[in-house]
Amino acid sequence: MENSDIPVVDAWMQHPTEEFHNHEMFASLRRWQGDETAPEIPLEWTIQAYENAGVDTALISAWWGPEGPLLSNDYVADIVSERPELFTGIGSVPLNNPMEAIEEVRRCVQELGFVGIRNIPWLWELPPDDRRYYPVYAECVEQEVPFCLQVGHTGPLKPSEMGRPIPYLDTVAREFPDLTIVAGHIGHPWTAEMMALATKYENVYIDTSAYKPKRYPDEFVEFLRTYGRENVLFGTNYPMIQPGDCLNSLDTLDLDEETKELFLYKNAERAFDISVV
C-alpha cells in the first residue's frame, strides 16, 4: 500500500515497558520471535515506526490485570501527551473492584480523554460474560465508549477458553445492545464464530491485530471483502507486529478502494467516535 493517501488508524497497539515485555506470561511470544529477553523499546522508536508507516492515529492501550496495572492509564496518558496528534488512549480497569472500575472508566474518559476501555479475558482468566465485567460494560455505555477485548486462542501462557466468542461474547452483545464491542485478534481458531457475531450485531467489530494480512484466514478475507466490510478494523498489536509490515502487504487482499477506506479508518472512526480526516 505504498504512497496511499488513505488515512490509517491502528485499533490496537501498546508501548511496553521493559518489565511488561519480559513478563513470564509472554515467554511463549518471545520464544516465537527468537528472543529469550526483550530489550527496552524507546518511545522514539515507536513514534518512528508509525510515522514511517504513514499511520495517522494509533490507539495505545493500557493493561490492568489481577496483580494491578501492568501498563497504567497514567503511563498511557503521558505517552499521549507527548504526541497527541498520533496517539489516542484506550484505558483499562480493575475487574476485581467494581466501584473502582466504574470510577476509573469515568476518569479515563472524562479526565484523560481516552476513547475506549480494554480488558483482556485471558489475563483475568474470566470469560467476558462474567458478572465482574458488567459494571464496566454499563459505564462504557454511559460514557459512550466501546469496550475492547481479545478473542481467539491465547498466545501467552494463559488459558484460551475464555477467548471463544460463542457463547461468552454472544451473551454480552445480547444483554448490552447499546454497548459497542471491539474484539481484537480475529478470533482464531474460532474465526467463524466471531464473524457470526459481527454479522448478528451491528455494534460488534473485529480488529485484525496480531495478524499480518498474509495470515488472515481465507474465510475472513472474504468476510472483509463483502458482507463484513463495515465491521472490521485494521490493527497491529505493536510491537508484536510492525505497522509497516502490515500495511505493505495489504494489497495482497485485493480490496476495492471503498473497502480499504472502511477497513483502514472509517470503521474505526465510527466505532470509537473519533475523526481522522
Protein backbone atom coordinates (compact mmCIF):
# COMPACT_ATOMS: atom_id res chain seq x y z
CA MET A 1 0.00 0.00 0.00
CA GLU A 2 2.88 2.34 -0.73
CA ASN A 3 2.16 6.06 -1.30
CA SER A 4 -1.52 5.62 -0.39
CA ASP A 5 -3.48 8.73 0.53
CA ILE A 6 -5.96 6.75 2.65
CA PRO A 7 -5.74 7.63 6.36
CA VAL A 8 -4.86 4.80 8.74
CA VAL A 9 -5.99 4.03 12.31
CA ASP A 10 -4.27 1.24 14.25
CA ALA A 11 -7.00 -0.08 16.55
CA TRP A 12 -4.68 -1.93 18.96
CA MET A 13 -1.11 -1.23 19.95
CA GLN A 14 0.84 -0.66 23.13
CA HIS A 15 4.19 0.78 24.08
CA PRO A 16 5.50 -1.77 26.59
CA THR A 17 7.87 -1.12 29.42
CA GLU A 18 10.83 -3.49 29.65
CA GLU A 19 9.23 -5.14 32.70
CA PHE A 20 5.97 -5.69 30.81
CA HIS A 21 7.75 -7.01 27.73
CA ASN A 22 9.69 -9.55 29.79
CA HIS A 23 6.81 -10.75 31.96
CA GLU A 24 6.85 -14.55 32.38
CA MET A 25 3.47 -14.93 30.67
CA PHE A 26 4.97 -13.63 27.41
CA ALA A 27 7.74 -16.25 27.34
CA SER A 28 5.97 -18.12 24.54
CA LEU A 29 5.80 -14.97 22.40
CA ARG A 30 9.47 -14.23 22.96
CA ARG A 31 10.31 -17.83 22.00
CA TRP A 32 8.34 -17.49 18.75
CA GLN A 33 10.29 -14.33 17.98
CA GLY A 34 13.62 -15.93 18.84
CA ASP A 35 14.39 -13.80 21.89
CA GLU A 36 14.88 -15.02 25.45
CA THR A 37 14.52 -11.46 26.69
CA ALA A 38 13.04 -8.42 25.03
CA PRO A 39 15.00 -5.15 25.02
CA GLU A 40 13.52 -1.87 26.14
CA ILE A 41 11.83 -0.01 23.29
CA PRO A 42 12.44 3.75 23.35
CA LEU A 43 9.33 5.79 22.68
CA GLU A 44 11.17 7.45 19.80
CA TRP A 45 11.38 4.06 18.03
CA THR A 46 7.64 3.56 18.35
CA ILE A 47 6.91 7.04 17.03
CA GLN A 48 9.29 6.50 14.12
CA ALA A 49 7.69 3.16 13.25
CA TYR A 50 4.28 4.78 12.99
CA GLU A 51 5.48 7.84 11.11
CA ASN A 52 7.39 5.68 8.61
CA ALA A 53 4.29 3.53 8.06
CA GLY A 54 2.07 6.56 7.50
CA VAL A 55 -0.32 5.76 10.35
CA ASP A 56 -2.42 8.76 11.35
CA THR A 57 -3.82 7.56 14.68
CA ALA A 58 -2.56 4.77 16.95
CA LEU A 59 -4.94 3.67 19.72
CA ILE A 60 -2.49 2.94 22.52
CA SER A 61 -3.69 0.57 25.24
CA ALA A 62 -3.27 0.37 28.97
CA TRP A 63 -3.23 -3.08 30.63
CA TRP A 64 -4.72 -3.93 34.04
CA GLY A 65 -4.65 -7.44 35.48
CA PRO A 66 -5.36 -9.13 38.82
CA GLU A 67 -1.93 -8.07 40.08
CA GLY A 68 -2.66 -4.43 39.29
CA PRO A 69 -1.76 -2.09 36.42
CA LEU A 70 0.78 -3.58 34.02
CA LEU A 71 0.72 -0.50 31.78
CA SER A 72 -1.17 2.08 33.78
CA ASN A 73 -3.69 4.57 32.47
CA ASP A 74 -1.47 7.43 33.61
CA TYR A 75 1.52 5.87 31.79
CA VAL A 76 -0.54 5.80 28.59
CA ALA A 77 -1.81 9.34 29.19
CA ASP A 78 1.78 10.57 29.49
CA ILE A 79 2.64 8.99 26.13
CA VAL A 80 -0.44 10.53 24.51
CA SER A 81 0.61 13.93 25.86
CA GLU A 82 3.97 13.53 24.10
CA ARG A 83 2.34 13.14 20.68
CA PRO A 84 -1.41 13.83 20.91
CA GLU A 85 -1.74 14.10 17.12
CA LEU A 86 -0.52 10.49 16.78
CA PHE A 87 -1.62 8.63 19.92
CA THR A 88 -5.10 8.25 21.41
CA GLY A 89 -5.60 6.39 24.68
CA ILE A 90 -7.51 3.20 25.47
CA GLY A 91 -7.88 2.63 29.20
CA SER A 92 -8.07 -0.47 31.39
CA VAL A 93 -9.70 -1.07 34.78
CA PRO A 94 -9.67 -3.45 37.79
CA LEU A 95 -12.39 -6.05 37.28
CA ASN A 96 -11.95 -7.31 40.85
CA ASN A 97 -13.08 -3.97 42.31
CA PRO A 98 -16.37 -2.92 40.67
CA MET A 99 -16.68 0.54 42.19
CA GLU A 100 -13.06 1.42 41.45
CA ALA A 101 -13.54 0.08 37.92
CA ILE A 102 -16.54 2.36 37.35
CA GLU A 103 -14.65 5.38 38.66
CA GLU A 104 -11.64 4.53 36.52
CA VAL A 105 -13.78 4.30 33.38
CA ARG A 106 -15.12 7.79 34.14
CA ARG A 107 -11.63 9.14 34.83
CA CYS A 108 -10.23 7.63 31.64
CA VAL A 109 -12.92 9.22 29.50
CA GLN A 110 -13.66 12.49 31.28
CA GLU A 111 -10.19 13.43 32.56
CA LEU A 112 -7.68 11.58 30.37
CA GLY A 113 -9.63 11.87 27.12
CA PHE A 114 -9.47 8.16 26.28
CA VAL A 115 -11.86 6.78 23.66
CA GLY A 116 -12.35 3.20 24.88
CA ILE A 117 -11.72 0.65 27.64
CA ARG A 118 -9.88 -2.65 27.13
CA ASN A 119 -9.64 -5.65 29.41
CA ILE A 120 -8.06 -8.96 28.41
CA PRO A 121 -10.15 -12.02 29.37
CA TRP A 122 -7.21 -14.45 29.42
CA LEU A 123 -5.27 -12.11 31.71
CA TRP A 124 -8.09 -12.27 34.26
CA GLU A 125 -9.00 -15.88 33.41
CA LEU A 126 -12.60 -14.68 33.25
CA PRO A 127 -14.84 -15.03 30.17
CA PRO A 128 -16.46 -11.75 29.10
CA ASP A 129 -19.92 -12.78 30.37
CA ASP A 130 -18.62 -12.98 33.95
CA ARG A 131 -20.51 -10.69 36.32
CA ARG A 132 -17.33 -8.73 37.13
CA TYR A 133 -17.33 -7.15 33.68
CA TYR A 134 -20.92 -5.96 33.86
CA PRO A 135 -20.42 -2.71 35.80
CA VAL A 136 -17.70 -1.81 33.28
CA TYR A 137 -20.00 -2.51 30.34
CA ALA A 138 -22.74 -0.38 31.87
CA GLU A 139 -20.35 2.53 32.46
CA CYS A 140 -18.93 2.25 28.93
CA VAL A 141 -22.49 2.64 27.65
CA GLU A 142 -22.99 5.61 29.96
CA GLN A 143 -19.74 7.23 28.80
CA GLU A 144 -20.44 6.31 25.16
CA VAL A 145 -17.15 4.50 24.58
CA PRO A 146 -16.55 0.96 23.25
CA PHE A 147 -15.36 -1.98 25.27
CA CYS A 148 -12.37 -3.71 23.67
CA LEU A 149 -11.10 -7.22 24.34
CA GLN A 150 -9.14 -10.13 22.88
CA VAL A 151 -10.83 -13.10 21.22
CA GLY A 152 -9.37 -16.38 20.00
CA HIS A 153 -6.61 -18.57 21.37
CA THR A 154 -4.12 -17.17 23.85
CA GLY A 155 -0.54 -16.83 22.66
CA PRO A 156 0.83 -16.05 26.13
CA LEU A 157 0.99 -18.82 28.71
CA LYS A 158 -2.62 -18.47 29.86
CA PRO A 159 -5.83 -20.45 29.17
CA SER A 160 -7.60 -19.94 25.84
CA GLU A 161 -11.19 -20.98 26.60
CA MET A 162 -12.38 -17.51 27.63
CA GLY A 163 -11.37 -16.25 24.18
CA ARG A 164 -14.12 -18.24 22.49
CA PRO A 165 -16.75 -15.82 21.09
CA ILE A 166 -19.75 -18.14 21.46
CA PRO A 167 -21.32 -18.37 23.99
CA TYR A 168 -19.45 -15.78 26.08
CA LEU A 169 -19.33 -12.68 23.90
CA ASP A 170 -22.67 -13.57 22.31
CA THR A 171 -24.26 -13.23 25.76
CA VAL A 172 -22.65 -9.84 26.32
CA ALA A 173 -23.76 -8.43 22.97
CA ARG A 174 -27.29 -9.65 23.55
CA GLU A 175 -27.57 -8.31 27.10
CA PHE A 176 -25.90 -4.96 26.31
CA PRO A 177 -27.41 -3.93 22.96
CA ASP A 178 -26.15 -0.35 23.35
CA LEU A 179 -22.54 -1.39 24.01
CA THR A 180 -20.05 -1.10 21.17
CA ILE A 181 -17.69 -4.08 21.28
CA VAL A 182 -14.32 -4.24 19.51
CA ALA A 183 -12.90 -7.77 19.53
CA GLY A 184 -9.21 -7.99 18.70
CA HIS A 185 -7.03 -10.72 17.18
CA ILE A 186 -9.59 -12.11 14.67
CA GLY A 187 -10.71 -14.98 16.91
CA HIS A 188 -8.67 -17.89 15.50
CA PRO A 189 -9.41 -20.82 15.74
CA TRP A 190 -12.99 -19.64 16.25
CA THR A 191 -12.93 -17.03 13.48
CA ALA A 192 -16.26 -18.21 12.06
CA GLU A 193 -17.88 -17.65 15.47
CA MET A 194 -16.51 -14.13 15.63
CA MET A 195 -17.67 -13.36 12.10
CA ALA A 196 -21.13 -14.67 13.03
CA LEU A 197 -21.34 -12.27 15.97
CA ALA A 198 -20.19 -9.30 13.87
CA THR A 199 -22.91 -10.21 11.38
CA LYS A 200 -25.59 -10.70 14.05
CA TYR A 201 -24.88 -7.49 16.00
CA GLU A 202 -24.26 -4.22 14.18
CA ASN A 203 -22.35 -2.82 17.17
CA VAL A 204 -19.76 -5.66 17.20
CA TYR A 205 -16.47 -5.11 15.38
CA ILE A 206 -13.41 -7.29 14.75
CA ASP A 207 -9.89 -5.85 14.66
CA THR A 208 -7.06 -7.63 12.88
CA SER A 209 -4.34 -7.00 15.48
CA ALA A 210 -1.69 -9.73 15.93
CA TYR A 211 -2.10 -10.89 12.31
CA LYS A 212 -0.36 -9.80 9.14
CA PRO A 213 -2.65 -9.80 6.07
CA LYS A 214 -0.99 -12.93 4.69
CA ARG A 215 -2.15 -14.81 7.80
CA TYR A 216 -5.79 -13.75 7.67
CA PRO A 217 -7.91 -16.91 7.20
CA ASP A 218 -9.45 -17.16 3.73
CA GLU A 219 -12.98 -17.06 5.12
CA PHE A 220 -12.13 -13.87 6.99
CA VAL A 221 -10.72 -12.20 3.87
CA GLU A 222 -13.97 -12.98 2.06
CA PHE A 223 -15.90 -11.54 5.02
CA LEU A 224 -13.77 -8.38 4.87
CA ARG A 225 -14.32 -8.01 1.14
CA THR A 226 -18.09 -8.49 1.26
CA TYR A 227 -20.81 -8.51 3.91
CA GLY A 228 -18.46 -7.85 6.84
CA ARG A 229 -16.62 -4.88 5.41
CA GLU A 230 -18.28 -2.39 7.79
CA ASN A 231 -17.33 -4.41 10.86
CA VAL A 232 -13.56 -4.92 10.51
CA LEU A 233 -10.85 -2.58 11.80
CA PHE A 234 -7.14 -2.56 10.98
CA GLY A 235 -4.86 -3.35 13.93
CA THR A 236 -1.30 -4.49 14.56
CA ASN A 237 -0.73 -5.35 18.24
CA TYR A 238 2.57 -3.45 18.02
CA PRO A 239 5.32 -4.17 19.00
CA MET A 240 4.45 -7.78 18.16
CA ILE A 241 3.95 -6.69 14.54
CA GLN A 242 5.32 -3.54 12.94
CA PRO A 243 2.69 -1.31 11.30
CA GLY A 244 4.69 -1.02 8.11
CA ASP A 245 4.83 -4.81 7.72
CA CYS A 246 1.03 -5.00 7.90
CA LEU A 247 0.36 -2.11 5.54
CA ASN A 248 2.96 -3.08 2.94
CA SER A 249 1.24 -6.42 2.36
CA LEU A 250 -2.31 -5.07 2.38
CA ASP A 251 -2.57 -5.13 -1.42
CA THR A 252 -2.46 -8.94 -1.35
CA LEU A 253 -6.04 -8.84 -0.01
CA ASP A 254 -7.35 -7.34 -3.28
CA LEU A 255 -9.68 -4.87 -1.57
CA ASP A 256 -11.52 -2.24 -3.58
CA GLU A 257 -10.97 1.41 -2.66
CA GLU A 258 -14.17 1.79 -0.64
CA THR A 259 -13.43 -1.33 1.40
CA LYS A 260 -9.86 -0.19 2.07
CA GLU A 261 -11.19 3.11 3.43
CA LEU A 262 -13.66 1.34 5.69
CA PHE A 263 -11.02 -1.09 6.93
CA LEU A 264 -8.21 1.40 7.47
CA TYR A 265 -10.05 4.26 9.12
CA LYS A 266 -13.79 4.78 8.56
CA ASN A 267 -14.94 1.83 10.66
CA ALA A 268 -12.60 2.93 13.46
CA GLU A 269 -13.99 6.47 13.26
CA ARG A 270 -17.49 5.07 13.73
CA ALA A 271 -16.62 2.54 16.46
CA PHE A 272 -14.55 4.92 18.58
CA ASP A 273 -16.33 8.15 17.65
CA ILE A 274 -13.11 9.79 16.51
CA SER A 275 -12.29 11.95 13.50
CA VAL A 276 -9.16 11.24 11.48
CA VAL A 277 -9.75 13.50 8.46
